[in-house]
PDB file of N, CA and C in Angstrom:
ATOM      1  N   UNK A   1       0.814  -1.222   0.020  1.00  0.00           N
ATOM      2  CA  UNK A   1       0.005   0.066  -0.036  1.00  0.00           C
ATOM      3  C   UNK A   1       0.890   1.224  -0.047  1.00  0.00           C
ATOM      4  N   UNK A   2       1.786   1.292   0.766  1.00  0.00           N
ATOM      5  CA  UNK A   2       2.732   2.409   0.807  1.00  0.00           C
ATOM      6  C   UNK A   2       3.921   2.232   0.026  1.00  0.00           C
ATOM      7  N   UNK A   3       4.143   2.885  -1.015  1.00  0.00           N
ATOM      8  CA  UNK A   3       5.369   2.935  -1.816  1.00  0.00           C
ATOM      9  C   UNK A   3       6.313   3.971  -1.365  1.00  0.00           C
ATOM     10  N   UNK A   4       7.439   3.520  -0.997  1.00  0.00           N
ATOM     11  CA  UNK A   4       8.463   4.511  -0.518  1.00  0.00           C
ATOM     12  C   UNK A   4       8.900   5.393  -1.706  1.00  0.00           C
ATOM     13  N   UNK A   5       8.921   6.697  -1.610  1.00  0.00           N
ATOM     14  CA  UNK A   5       9.397   7.554  -2.653  1.00  0.00           C
ATOM     15  C   UNK A   5      10.835   7.747  -2.531  1.00  0.00           C
ATOM     16  N   UNK A   6      11.624   7.694  -3.525  1.00  0.00           N
ATOM     17  CA  UNK A   6      13.069   7.981  -3.484  1.00  0.00           C
ATOM     18  C   UNK A   6      13.295   9.383  -3.186  1.00  0.00           C
ATOM     19  N   UNK A   7      14.258   9.620  -2.313  1.00  0.00           N
ATOM     20  CA  UNK A   7      14.543  11.071  -1.878  1.00  0.00           C
ATOM     21  C   UNK A   7      15.649  11.492  -2.933  1.00  0.00           C
ATOM     22  N   UNK A   8      15.384  12.796  -3.567  1.00  0.00           N
ATOM     23  CA  UNK A   8      16.286  13.157  -4.436  1.00  0.00           C
ATOM     24  C   UNK A   8      17.684  13.600  -3.769  1.00  0.00           C
ATOM     25  N   UNK A   9      18.714  13.407  -4.502  1.00  0.00           N
ATOM     26  CA  UNK A   9      20.020  13.893  -4.018  1.00  0.00           C
ATOM     27  C   UNK A   9      20.259  15.305  -4.189  1.00  0.00           C
ATOM     28  N   UNK A  10      20.311  16.162  -3.146  1.00  0.00           N
ATOM     29  CA  UNK A  10      20.406  17.624  -3.290  1.00  0.00           C
ATOM     30  C   UNK A  10      21.807  18.107  -3.288  1.00  0.00           C
ATOM     31  N   UNK A  11      22.753  17.084  -3.223  1.00  0.00           N
ATOM     32  CA  UNK A  11      24.139  17.644  -3.082  1.00  0.00           C
ATOM     33  C   UNK A  11      24.719  18.189  -4.466  1.00  0.00           C
ATOM     34  N   UNK A  12      24.363  17.503  -5.439  1.00  0.00           N
ATOM     35  CA  UNK A  12      24.820  18.019  -6.830  1.00  0.00           C
ATOM     36  C   UNK A  12      23.684  18.264  -7.727  1.00  0.00           C
ATOM     37  N   UNK A  13      23.711  19.306  -8.520  1.00  0.00           N
ATOM     38  CA  UNK A  13      22.703  19.652  -9.551  1.00  0.00           C
ATOM     39  C   UNK A  13      22.507  18.325 -10.482  1.00  0.00           C
ATOM     40  N   UNK A  14      21.245  18.187 -10.832  1.00  0.00           N
ATOM     41  CA  UNK A  14      20.907  17.172 -11.720  1.00  0.00           C
ATOM     42  C   UNK A  14      21.552  17.385 -13.197  1.00  0.00           C
ATOM     43  N   UNK A  15      21.598  16.347 -13.874  1.00  0.00           N
ATOM     44  CA  UNK A  15      22.055  16.617 -15.291  1.00  0.00           C
ATOM     45  C   UNK A  15      21.247  17.519 -16.091  1.00  0.00           C
ATOM     46  N   UNK A  16      19.990  17.433 -15.949  1.00  0.00           N
ATOM     47  CA  UNK A  16      19.168  18.425 -16.648  1.00  0.00           C
ATOM     48  C   UNK A  16      19.319  19.794 -16.380  1.00  0.00           C
ATOM     49  N   UNK A  17      19.479  20.087 -14.952  1.00  0.00           N
ATOM     50  CA  UNK A  17      19.732  21.434 -14.494  1.00  0.00           C
ATOM     51  C   UNK A  17      21.138  21.876 -14.873  1.00  0.00           C
ATOM     52  N   UNK A  18      22.026  21.006 -14.883  1.00  0.00           N
ATOM     53  CA  UNK A  18      23.515  21.391 -15.280  1.00  0.00           C
ATOM     54  C   UNK A  18      23.482  21.859 -16.723  1.00  0.00           C
ATOM     55  N   UNK A  19      22.671  21.254 -17.547  1.00  0.00           N
ATOM     56  CA  UNK A  19      22.745  21.581 -19.019  1.00  0.00           C
ATOM     57  C   UNK A  19      22.098  22.954 -19.207  1.00  0.00           C
ATOM     58  N   UNK A  20      21.189  23.438 -18.332  1.00  0.00           N
ATOM     59  CA  UNK A  20      20.420  24.677 -18.579  1.00  0.00           C
ATOM     60  C   UNK A  20      21.175  25.805 -17.863  1.00  0.00           C
ATOM     61  N   UNK A  21      22.179  25.555 -16.966  1.00  0.00           N
ATOM     62  CA  UNK A  21      22.926  26.589 -16.397  1.00  0.00           C
ATOM     63  C   UNK A  21      23.906  27.234 -17.371  1.00  0.00           C
ATOM     64  N   UNK A  22      23.872  28.619 -17.407  1.00  0.00           N
ATOM     65  CA  UNK A  22      24.823  29.258 -18.323  1.00  0.00           C
ATOM     66  C   UNK A  22      26.278  29.115 -17.992  1.00  0.00           C
ATOM     67  N   UNK A  23      27.024  29.054 -19.026  1.00  0.00           N
ATOM     68  CA  UNK A  23      28.482  28.862 -18.933  1.00  0.00           C
ATOM     69  C   UNK A  23      29.095  30.162 -19.330  1.00  0.00           C
ATOM     70  N   UNK A  24      30.258  30.516 -18.822  1.00  0.00           N
ATOM     71  CA  UNK A  24      30.915  31.700 -19.369  1.00  0.00           C
ATOM     72  C   UNK A  24      31.162  31.785 -20.929  1.00  0.00           C
ATOM     73  N   UNK A  25      31.317  30.529 -21.542  1.00  0.00           N
ATOM     74  CA  UNK A  25      31.519  30.403 -22.958  1.00  0.00           C
ATOM     75  C   UNK A  25      30.304  30.739 -23.741  1.00  0.00           C
ATOM     76  N   UNK A  26      29.192  30.161 -23.255  1.00  0.00           N
ATOM     77  CA  UNK A  26      27.900  30.453 -23.902  1.00  0.00           C
ATOM     78  C   UNK A  26      27.571  31.999 -23.749  1.00  0.00           C
ATOM     79  N   UNK A  27      27.736  32.599 -22.598  1.00  0.00           N
ATOM     80  CA  UNK A  27      27.405  33.943 -22.448  1.00  0.00           C
ATOM     81  C   UNK A  27      28.539  34.822 -23.223  1.00  0.00           C
ATOM     82  N   UNK A  28      29.600  34.397 -23.349  1.00  0.00           N
ATOM     83  CA  UNK A  28      30.700  35.231 -24.137  1.00  0.00           C
ATOM     84  C   UNK A  28      30.264  35.234 -25.618  1.00  0.00           C
ATOM     85  N   UNK A  29      29.913  33.936 -26.120  1.00  0.00           N
ATOM     86  CA  UNK A  29      29.528  33.798 -27.595  1.00  0.00           C
ATOM     87  C   UNK A  29      28.212  34.700 -27.847  1.00  0.00           C
ATOM     88  N   UNK A  30      27.288  34.663 -26.836  1.00  0.00           N
ATOM     89  CA  UNK A  30      26.145  35.426 -26.997  1.00  0.00           C
ATOM     90  C   UNK A  30      26.451  36.927 -26.985  1.00  0.00           C
ATOM     91  N   UNK A  31      27.410  37.371 -26.238  1.00  0.00           N
ATOM     92  CA  UNK A  31      27.753  38.899 -26.257  1.00  0.00           C
ATOM     93  C   UNK A  31      28.415  39.287 -27.433  1.00  0.00           C
ATOM     94  N   UNK A  32      29.225  38.313 -27.930  1.00  0.00           N
ATOM     95  CA  UNK A  32      29.911  38.613 -29.263  1.00  0.00           C
ATOM     96  C   UNK A  32      28.926  38.724 -30.480  1.00  0.00           C
ATOM     97  N   UNK A  33      27.918  37.835 -30.448  1.00  0.00           N
ATOM     98  CA  UNK A  33      26.966  37.772 -31.533  1.00  0.00           C
ATOM     99  C   UNK A  33      26.020  39.077 -31.361  1.00  0.00           C
ATOM    100  N   UNK A  34      25.722  39.452 -30.170  1.00  0.00           N
ATOM    101  CA  UNK A  34      24.809  40.628 -29.974  1.00  0.00           C
ATOM    102  C   UNK A  34      25.773  41.880 -30.307  1.00  0.00           C
ATOM    103  N   UNK A  35      27.023  41.905 -30.050  1.00  0.00           N
ATOM    104  CA  UNK A  35      27.862  43.029 -30.295  1.00  0.00           C
ATOM    105  C   UNK A  35      28.103  43.090 -31.875  1.00  0.00           C
ATOM    106  N   UNK A  36      28.093  41.970 -32.443  1.00  0.00           N
ATOM    107  CA  UNK A  36      28.257  42.071 -33.950  1.00  0.00           C
ATOM    108  C   UNK A  36      26.967  42.694 -34.595  1.00  0.00           C
ATOM    109  N   UNK A  37      25.789  42.282 -34.089  1.00  0.00           N
ATOM    110  CA  UNK A  37      24.504  42.776 -34.593  1.00  0.00           C
ATOM    111  C   UNK A  37      24.501  44.315 -34.175  1.00  0.00           C
ATOM    112  N   UNK A  38      24.926  44.683 -33.028  1.00  0.00           N
ATOM    113  CA  UNK A  38      24.868  46.189 -32.675  1.00  0.00           C
ATOM    114  C   UNK A  38      25.838  46.955 -33.566  1.00  0.00           C
ATOM    115  N   UNK A  39      27.043  46.524 -33.976  1.00  0.00           N
ATOM    116  CA  UNK A  39      27.908  47.260 -34.845  1.00  0.00           C
ATOM    117  C   UNK A  39      27.270  47.300 -36.193  1.00  0.00           C
ATOM    118  N   UNK A  40      26.733  46.136 -36.713  1.00  0.00           N
ATOM    119  CA  UNK A  40      26.103  46.271 -38.051  1.00  0.00           C
ATOM    120  C   UNK A  40      24.938  47.220 -38.122  1.00  0.00           C
ATOM    121  N   UNK A  41      24.143  47.175 -37.014  1.00  0.00           N
ATOM    122  CA  UNK A  41      23.008  47.994 -36.870  1.00  0.00           C
ATOM    123  C   UNK A  41      23.412  49.531 -36.835  1.00  0.00           C
ATOM    124  N   UNK A  42      24.474  49.773 -36.059  1.00  0.00           N
ATOM    125  CA  UNK A  42      25.069  51.191 -36.011  1.00  0.00           C
ATOM    126  C   UNK A  42      25.390  51.747 -37.313  1.00  0.00           C
ATOM    127  N   UNK A  43      26.069  50.897 -38.079  1.00  0.00           N
ATOM    128  CA  UNK A  43      26.434  51.416 -39.501  1.00  0.00           C
ATOM    129  C   UNK A  43      25.250  51.636 -40.315  1.00  0.00           C
ATOM    130  N   UNK A  44      24.244  50.663 -40.215  1.00  0.00           N
ATOM    131  CA  UNK A  44      22.968  50.881 -40.879  1.00  0.00           C
ATOM    132  C   UNK A  44      22.275  52.214 -40.541  1.00  0.00           C
ATOM    133  N   UNK A  45      22.111  52.374 -39.173  1.00  0.00           N
ATOM    134  CA  UNK A  45      21.459  53.537 -38.717  1.00  0.00           C
ATOM    135  C   UNK A  45      22.183  54.786 -39.244  1.00  0.00           C
ATOM    136  N   UNK A  46      23.553  54.779 -39.231  1.00  0.00           N
ATOM    137  CA  UNK A  46      24.204  55.938 -39.731  1.00  0.00           C
ATOM    138  C   UNK A  46      24.126  56.156 -41.241  1.00  0.00           C
ATOM    139  N   UNK A  47      23.959  55.099 -42.036  1.00  0.00           N
ATOM    140  CA  UNK A  47      23.804  55.201 -43.350  1.00  0.00           C
ATOM    141  C   UNK A  47      22.300  55.716 -43.692  1.00  0.00           C
ATOM    142  N   UNK A  48      21.404  55.200 -42.915  1.00  0.00           N
ATOM    143  CA  UNK A  48      20.097  55.720 -43.104  1.00  0.00           C
ATOM    144  C   UNK A  48      19.908  57.220 -42.767  1.00  0.00           C
ATOM    145  N   UNK A  49      20.546  57.572 -41.698  1.00  0.00           N
ATOM    146  CA  UNK A  49      20.453  58.977 -41.314  1.00  0.00           C
ATOM    147  C   UNK A  49      21.174  59.884 -42.243  1.00  0.00           C
ATOM    148  N   UNK A  50      22.284  59.514 -42.821  1.00  0.00           N
ATOM    149  CA  UNK A  50      23.043  60.246 -43.864  1.00  0.00           C
ATOM    150  C   UNK A  50      22.265  60.323 -45.179  1.00  0.00           C
ATOM    151  N   UNK A  51      21.579  59.208 -45.565  1.00  0.00           N
ATOM    152  CA  UNK A  51      20.790  59.277 -46.727  1.00  0.00           C
ATOM    153  C   UNK A  51      19.641  60.189 -46.577  1.00  0.00           C
ATOM    154  N   UNK A  52      18.858  60.119 -45.509  1.00  0.00           N
ATOM    155  CA  UNK A  52      17.781  61.042 -45.204  1.00  0.00           C
ATOM    156  C   UNK A  52      18.264  62.507 -45.261  1.00  0.00           C
ATOM    157  N   UNK A  53      19.396  62.782 -44.652  1.00  0.00           N
ATOM    158  CA  UNK A  53      19.964  64.130 -44.479  1.00  0.00           C
ATOM    159  C   UNK A  53      20.320  64.731 -45.858  1.00  0.00           C
ATOM    160  N   UNK A  54      20.826  63.825 -46.769  1.00  0.00           N
ATOM    161  CA  UNK A  54      21.339  64.421 -48.034  1.00  0.00           C
ATOM    162  C   UNK A  54      20.338  64.415 -49.209  1.00  0.00           C
ATOM    163  N   UNK A  55      19.150  63.943 -48.889  1.00  0.00           N
ATOM    164  CA  UNK A  55      18.040  63.884 -50.029  1.00  0.00           C
ATOM    165  C   UNK A  55      16.989  64.866 -49.470  1.00  0.00           C
ATOM    166  N   UNK A  56      16.735  65.885 -50.267  1.00  0.00           N
ATOM    167  CA  UNK A  56      15.615  66.853 -50.017  1.00  0.00           C
ATOM    168  C   UNK A  56      14.243  66.208 -50.131  1.00  0.00           C
ATOM    169  N   UNK A  57      13.206  66.824 -49.478  1.00  0.00           N
ATOM    170  CA  UNK A  57      11.942  66.226 -49.570  1.00  0.00           C
ATOM    171  C   UNK A  57      11.385  66.604 -50.897  1.00  0.00           C
ATOM    172  N   UNK A  58      10.761  65.733 -51.627  1.00  0.00           N
ATOM    173  CA  UNK A  58      10.346  65.926 -53.008  1.00  0.00           C
ATOM    174  C   UNK A  58       9.159  66.728 -53.246  1.00  0.00           C
ATOM    175  N   UNK A  59       8.524  67.260 -52.322  1.00  0.00           N
ATOM    176  CA  UNK A  59       7.173  67.858 -52.517  1.00  0.00           C
ATOM    177  C   UNK A  59       7.098  69.266 -51.948  1.00  0.00           C
ATOM    178  N   UNK A  60       6.180  70.125 -52.412  1.00  0.00           N
ATOM    179  CA  UNK A  60       6.089  71.377 -51.912  1.00  0.00           C
ATOM    180  C   UNK A  60       4.795  71.440 -51.040  1.00  0.00           C
ATOM    181  N   UNK A  61       4.052  70.344 -51.041  1.00  0.00           N
ATOM    182  CA  UNK A  61       2.821  70.248 -50.218  1.00  0.00           C
ATOM    183  C   UNK A  61       3.193  70.008 -48.750  1.00  0.00           C
ATOM    184  N   UNK A  62       2.573  70.929 -47.925  1.00  0.00           N
ATOM    185  CA  UNK A  62       3.002  70.938 -46.494  1.00  0.00           C
ATOM    186  C   UNK A  62       2.703  69.621 -45.788  1.00  0.00           C
ATOM    187  N   UNK A  63       1.411  69.083 -46.155  1.00  0.00           N
ATOM    188  CA  UNK A  63       1.002  67.842 -45.446  1.00  0.00           C
ATOM    189  C   UNK A  63       1.919  66.702 -45.870  1.00  0.00           C
ATOM    190  N   UNK A  64       2.303  66.602 -47.135  1.00  0.00           N
ATOM    191  CA  UNK A  64       3.229  65.575 -47.605  1.00  0.00           C
ATOM    192  C   UNK A  64       4.574  65.741 -46.972  1.00  0.00           C
ATOM    193  N   UNK A  65       5.083  66.957 -46.766  1.00  0.00           N
ATOM    194  CA  UNK A  65       6.406  67.164 -46.143  1.00  0.00           C
ATOM    195  C   UNK A  65       6.300  66.638 -44.571  1.00  0.00           C
ATOM    196  N   UNK A  66       5.190  66.921 -43.848  1.00  0.00           N
ATOM    197  CA  UNK A  66       5.098  66.532 -42.554  1.00  0.00           C
ATOM    198  C   UNK A  66       4.993  65.128 -42.393  1.00  0.00           C
ATOM    199  N   UNK A  67       4.193  64.418 -43.282  1.00  0.00           N
ATOM    200  CA  UNK A  67       4.266  62.964 -43.343  1.00  0.00           C
ATOM    201  C   UNK A  67       5.515  62.302 -43.559  1.00  0.00           C
ATOM    202  N   UNK A  68       6.237  62.884 -44.529  1.00  0.00           N
ATOM    203  CA  UNK A  68       7.507  62.410 -44.898  1.00  0.00           C
ATOM    204  C   UNK A  68       8.494  62.542 -43.694  1.00  0.00           C
ATOM    205  N   UNK A  69       8.452  63.690 -43.070  1.00  0.00           N
ATOM    206  CA  UNK A  69       9.411  63.837 -41.715  1.00  0.00           C
ATOM    207  C   UNK A  69       9.006  62.854 -40.743  1.00  0.00           C
ATOM    208  N   UNK A  70       7.719  62.636 -40.589  1.00  0.00           N
ATOM    209  CA  UNK A  70       7.243  61.673 -39.541  1.00  0.00           C
ATOM    210  C   UNK A  70       7.876  60.267 -39.800  1.00  0.00           C
ATOM    211  N   UNK A  71       7.664  59.906 -41.171  1.00  0.00           N
ATOM    212  CA  UNK A  71       8.185  58.550 -41.526  1.00  0.00           C
ATOM    213  C   UNK A  71       9.687  58.414 -41.398  1.00  0.00           C
ATOM    214  N   UNK A  72      10.388  59.437 -41.792  1.00  0.00           N
ATOM    215  CA  UNK A  72      11.849  59.464 -41.720  1.00  0.00           C
ATOM    216  C   UNK A  72      12.255  59.325 -40.137  1.00  0.00           C
ATOM    217  N   UNK A  73      11.474  60.081 -39.293  1.00  0.00           N
ATOM    218  CA  UNK A  73      11.806  60.104 -37.870  1.00  0.00           C
ATOM    219  C   UNK A  73      11.614  58.634 -37.289  1.00  0.00           C
ATOM    220  N   UNK A  74      10.461  58.068 -37.785  1.00  0.00           N
ATOM    221  CA  UNK A  74      10.150  56.644 -37.275  1.00  0.00           C
ATOM    222  C   UNK A  74      11.135  55.624 -37.653  1.00  0.00           C
ATOM    223  N   UNK A  75      11.708  55.704 -38.985  1.00  0.00           N
ATOM    224  CA  UNK A  75      12.590  54.626 -39.483  1.00  0.00           C
ATOM    225  C   UNK A  75      13.932  54.905 -38.704  1.00  0.00           C
ATOM    226  N   UNK A  76      14.473  56.159 -38.471  1.00  0.00           N
ATOM    227  CA  UNK A  76      15.680  56.356 -37.857  1.00  0.00           C
ATOM    228  C   UNK A  76      15.532  55.967 -36.414  1.00  0.00           C
ATOM    229  N   UNK A  77      14.416  56.231 -35.757  1.00  0.00           N
ATOM    230  CA  UNK A  77      14.126  55.909 -34.344  1.00  0.00           C
ATOM    231  C   UNK A  77      14.074  54.412 -34.166  1.00  0.00           C
ATOM    232  N   UNK A  78      13.438  53.660 -35.025  1.00  0.00           N
ATOM    233  CA  UNK A  78      13.358  52.153 -34.852  1.00  0.00           C
ATOM    234  C   UNK A  78      14.758  51.487 -34.984  1.00  0.00           C
ATOM    235  N   UNK A  79      15.468  52.105 -36.014  1.00  0.00           N
ATOM    236  CA  UNK A  79      16.788  51.586 -36.243  1.00  0.00           C
ATOM    237  C   UNK A  79      17.733  51.921 -34.993  1.00  0.00           C
ATOM    238  N   UNK A  80      17.539  53.067 -34.386  1.00  0.00           N
ATOM    239  CA  UNK A  80      18.415  53.480 -33.271  1.00  0.00           C
ATOM    240  C   UNK A  80      17.962  52.566 -32.063  1.00  0.00           C
ATOM    241  N   UNK A  81      16.689  52.313 -31.937  1.00  0.00           N
ATOM    242  CA  UNK A  81      16.318  51.467 -30.782  1.00  0.00           C
ATOM    243  C   UNK A  81      16.742  50.023 -30.918  1.00  0.00           C
ATOM    244  N   UNK A  82      16.824  49.477 -32.084  1.00  0.00           N
ATOM    245  CA  UNK A  82      17.305  48.082 -32.318  1.00  0.00           C
ATOM    246  C   UNK A  82      18.862  48.189 -32.064  1.00  0.00           C
ATOM    247  N   UNK A  83      19.581  49.164 -32.452  1.00  0.00           N
ATOM    248  CA  UNK A  83      20.994  49.313 -32.104  1.00  0.00           C
ATOM    249  C   UNK A  83      21.208  49.364 -30.721  1.00  0.00           C
ATOM    250  N   UNK A  84      20.440  50.166 -29.929  1.00  0.00           N
ATOM    251  CA  UNK A  84      20.710  50.326 -28.472  1.00  0.00           C
ATOM    252  C   UNK A  84      20.276  49.052 -27.756  1.00  0.00           C
ATOM    253  N   UNK A  85      19.191  48.261 -28.264  1.00  0.00           N
ATOM    254  CA  UNK A  85      18.883  47.083 -27.675  1.00  0.00           C
ATOM    255  C   UNK A  85      19.920  45.976 -27.789  1.00  0.00           C
ATOM    256  N   UNK A  86      20.506  45.801 -28.872  1.00  0.00           N
ATOM    257  CA  UNK A  86      21.541  44.812 -29.024  1.00  0.00           C
ATOM    258  C   UNK A  86      22.871  45.253 -28.280  1.00  0.00           C
ATOM    259  N   UNK A  87      23.179  46.556 -28.218  1.00  0.00           N
ATOM    260  CA  UNK A  87      24.244  46.953 -27.402  1.00  0.00           C
ATOM    261  C   UNK A  87      24.046  46.638 -25.953  1.00  0.00           C
ATOM    262  N   UNK A  88      22.889  46.949 -25.383  1.00  0.00           N
ATOM    263  CA  UNK A  88      22.673  46.691 -23.974  1.00  0.00           C
ATOM    264  C   UNK A  88      22.746  45.200 -23.652  1.00  0.00           C
ATOM    265  N   UNK A  89      22.166  44.438 -24.536  1.00  0.00           N
ATOM    266  CA  UNK A  89      22.150  43.043 -24.481  1.00  0.00           C
ATOM    267  C   UNK A  89      23.663  42.539 -24.384  1.00  0.00           C
ATOM    268  N   UNK A  90      24.446  42.965 -25.258  1.00  0.00           N
ATOM    269  CA  UNK A  90      25.842  42.647 -25.325  1.00  0.00           C
ATOM    270  C   UNK A  90      26.665  43.014 -24.195  1.00  0.00           C
ATOM    271  N   UNK A  91      26.368  44.187 -23.774  1.00  0.00           N
ATOM    272  CA  UNK A  91      27.105  44.561 -22.374  1.00  0.00           C
ATOM    273  C   UNK A  91      26.611  43.833 -21.226  1.00  0.00           C
ATOM    274  N   UNK A  92      25.304  43.467 -21.214  1.00  0.00           N
ATOM    275  CA  UNK A  92      24.840  42.637 -20.026  1.00  0.00           C
ATOM    276  C   UNK A  92      25.327  41.274 -19.997  1.00  0.00           C
ATOM    277  N   UNK A  93      25.459  40.633 -21.278  1.00  0.00           N
ATOM    278  CA  UNK A  93      26.023  39.276 -21.257  1.00  0.00           C
ATOM    279  C   UNK A  93      27.497  39.363 -21.026  1.00  0.00           C
ATOM    280  N   UNK A  94      28.160  40.318 -21.318  1.00  0.00           N
ATOM    281  CA  UNK A  94      29.556  40.463 -21.018  1.00  0.00           C
ATOM    282  C   UNK A  94      29.811  40.565 -19.573  1.00  0.00           C
ATOM    283  N   UNK A  95      28.813  41.166 -18.866  1.00  0.00           N
ATOM    284  CA  UNK A  95      28.871  41.340 -17.468  1.00  0.00           C
ATOM    285  C   UNK A  95      28.681  39.951 -16.755  1.00  0.00           C
ATOM    286  N   UNK A  96      27.566  39.259 -17.267  1.00  0.00           N
ATOM    287  CA  UNK A  96      27.350  37.869 -16.795  1.00  0.00           C
ATOM    288  C   UNK A  96      28.517  36.883 -17.005  1.00  0.00           C
ATOM    289  N   UNK A  97      29.212  37.116 -18.141  1.00  0.00           N
ATOM    290  CA  UNK A  97      30.407  36.240 -18.458  1.00  0.00           C
ATOM    291  C   UNK A  97      31.470  36.466 -17.371  1.00  0.00           C
ATOM    292  N   UNK A  98      31.701  37.690 -17.058  1.00  0.00           N
ATOM    293  CA  UNK A  98      32.764  38.099 -16.102  1.00  0.00           C
ATOM    294  C   UNK A  98      32.343  37.524 -14.731  1.00  0.00           C
ATOM    295  N   UNK A  99      31.019  37.654 -14.426  1.00  0.00           N
ATOM    296  CA  UNK A  99      30.465  37.180 -13.109  1.00  0.00           C
ATOM    297  C   UNK A  99      30.683  35.778 -13.001  1.00  0.00           C
ATOM    298  N   UNK A 100      30.275  34.918 -14.021  1.00  0.00           N
ATOM    299  CA  UNK A 100      30.304  33.494 -14.013  1.00  0.00           C
ATOM    300  C   UNK A 100      31.824  33.015 -13.955  1.00  0.00           C
ATOM    301  N   UNK A 101      32.718  33.773 -14.716  1.00  0.00           N
ATOM    302  CA  UNK A 101      34.069  33.361 -14.612  1.00  0.00           C
ATOM    303  C   UNK A 101      34.642  33.584 -13.180  1.00  0.00           C
ATOM    304  N   UNK A 102      34.374  34.565 -12.565  1.00  0.00           N
ATOM    305  CA  UNK A 102      34.905  34.877 -11.198  1.00  0.00           C
ATOM    306  C   UNK A 102      34.322  33.772 -10.288  1.00  0.00           C
ATOM    307  N   UNK A 103      33.072  33.497 -10.444  1.00  0.00           N
ATOM    308  CA  UNK A 103      32.439  32.503  -9.577  1.00  0.00           C
ATOM    309  C   UNK A 103      33.167  31.173  -9.819  1.00  0.00           C
ATOM    310  N   UNK A 104      33.512  30.868 -11.072  1.00  0.00           N
ATOM    311  CA  UNK A 104      34.244  29.494 -11.284  1.00  0.00           C
ATOM    312  C   UNK A 104      35.579  29.550 -10.612  1.00  0.00           C
ATOM    313  N   UNK A 105      36.193  30.815 -10.821  1.00  0.00           N
ATOM    314  CA  UNK A 105      37.614  30.908  -9.984  1.00  0.00           C
ATOM    315  C   UNK A 105      37.593  30.702  -8.553  1.00  0.00           C
ATOM    316  N   UNK A 106      36.423  31.362  -7.954  1.00  0.00           N
ATOM    317  CA  UNK A 106      36.261  31.180  -6.410  1.00  0.00           C
ATOM    318  C   UNK A 106      36.079  29.760  -6.024  1.00  0.00           C
ATOM    319  N   UNK A 107      35.241  29.037  -6.808  1.00  0.00           N
ATOM    320  CA  UNK A 107      34.898  27.597  -6.486  1.00  0.00           C
ATOM    321  C   UNK A 107      36.078  26.785  -6.747  1.00  0.00           C
ATOM    322  N   UNK A 108      37.059  27.117  -7.751  1.00  0.00           N
ATOM    323  CA  UNK A 108      38.136  26.206  -7.962  1.00  0.00           C
ATOM    324  C   UNK A 108      39.215  26.524  -7.023  1.00  0.00           C
ATOM    325  N   UNK A 109      39.442  27.735  -6.511  1.00  0.00           N
ATOM    326  CA  UNK A 109      40.605  28.051  -5.663  1.00  0.00           C
ATOM    327  C   UNK A 109      40.418  27.961  -4.295  1.00  0.00           C
ATOM    328  N   UNK A 110      39.165  27.667  -3.815  1.00  0.00           N
ATOM    329  CA  UNK A 110      38.827  27.618  -2.475  1.00  0.00           C
ATOM    330  C   UNK A 110      39.299  26.252  -1.857  1.00  0.00           C
ATOM    331  N   UNK A 111      40.217  26.183  -0.893  1.00  0.00           N
ATOM    332  CA  UNK A 111      40.897  24.901  -0.480  1.00  0.00           C
ATOM    333  C   UNK A 111      39.663  24.204   0.309  1.00  0.00           C
ATOM    334  N   UNK A 112      39.748  22.891   0.295  1.00  0.00           N
ATOM    335  CA  UNK A 112      38.824  22.022   1.076  1.00  0.00           C
ATOM    336  C   UNK A 112      39.148  22.228   2.540  1.00  0.00           C
ATOM    337  N   UNK A 113      37.924  22.322   3.223  1.00  0.00           N
ATOM    338  CA  UNK A 113      38.023  22.544   4.589  1.00  0.00           C
ATOM    339  C   UNK A 113      38.006  21.181   5.396  1.00  0.00           C
ATOM    340  N   UNK A 114      38.856  21.077   6.186  1.00  0.00           N
ATOM    341  CA  UNK A 114      38.944  19.886   7.073  1.00  0.00           C
ATOM    342  C   UNK A 114      38.422  20.194   8.471  1.00  0.00           C
ATOM    343  N   UNK A 115      37.236  19.564   8.692  1.00  0.00           N
ATOM    344  CA  UNK A 115      36.703  19.870  10.021  1.00  0.00           C
ATOM    345  C   UNK A 115      36.654  18.611  10.936  1.00  0.00           C
TER     346      UNK A 115
END
């Protein structure tokens, strides 16, 4: 009637949990990828801004000019937002990489205590 349930071993993380924990290498590769996207988006944003600045608006109609200005502002704004997002993600992942590396060094260098 009573089935004894096995007690889980809480001393070491399970294999499933160990696979989901971030490693410094995973975080560093993510930071490099995000940084690459940020640099590419920076050059794209700069190119878009220069293109819009060097081309005059093609109409003399005031409504068309205002709509054109709004569209240009939205395009540059969205591009700038994407650049900032990837930059912040890259910096954050670099911080996590440093944190995890320091934690690994602390765990590795601590001498075993004999009690």
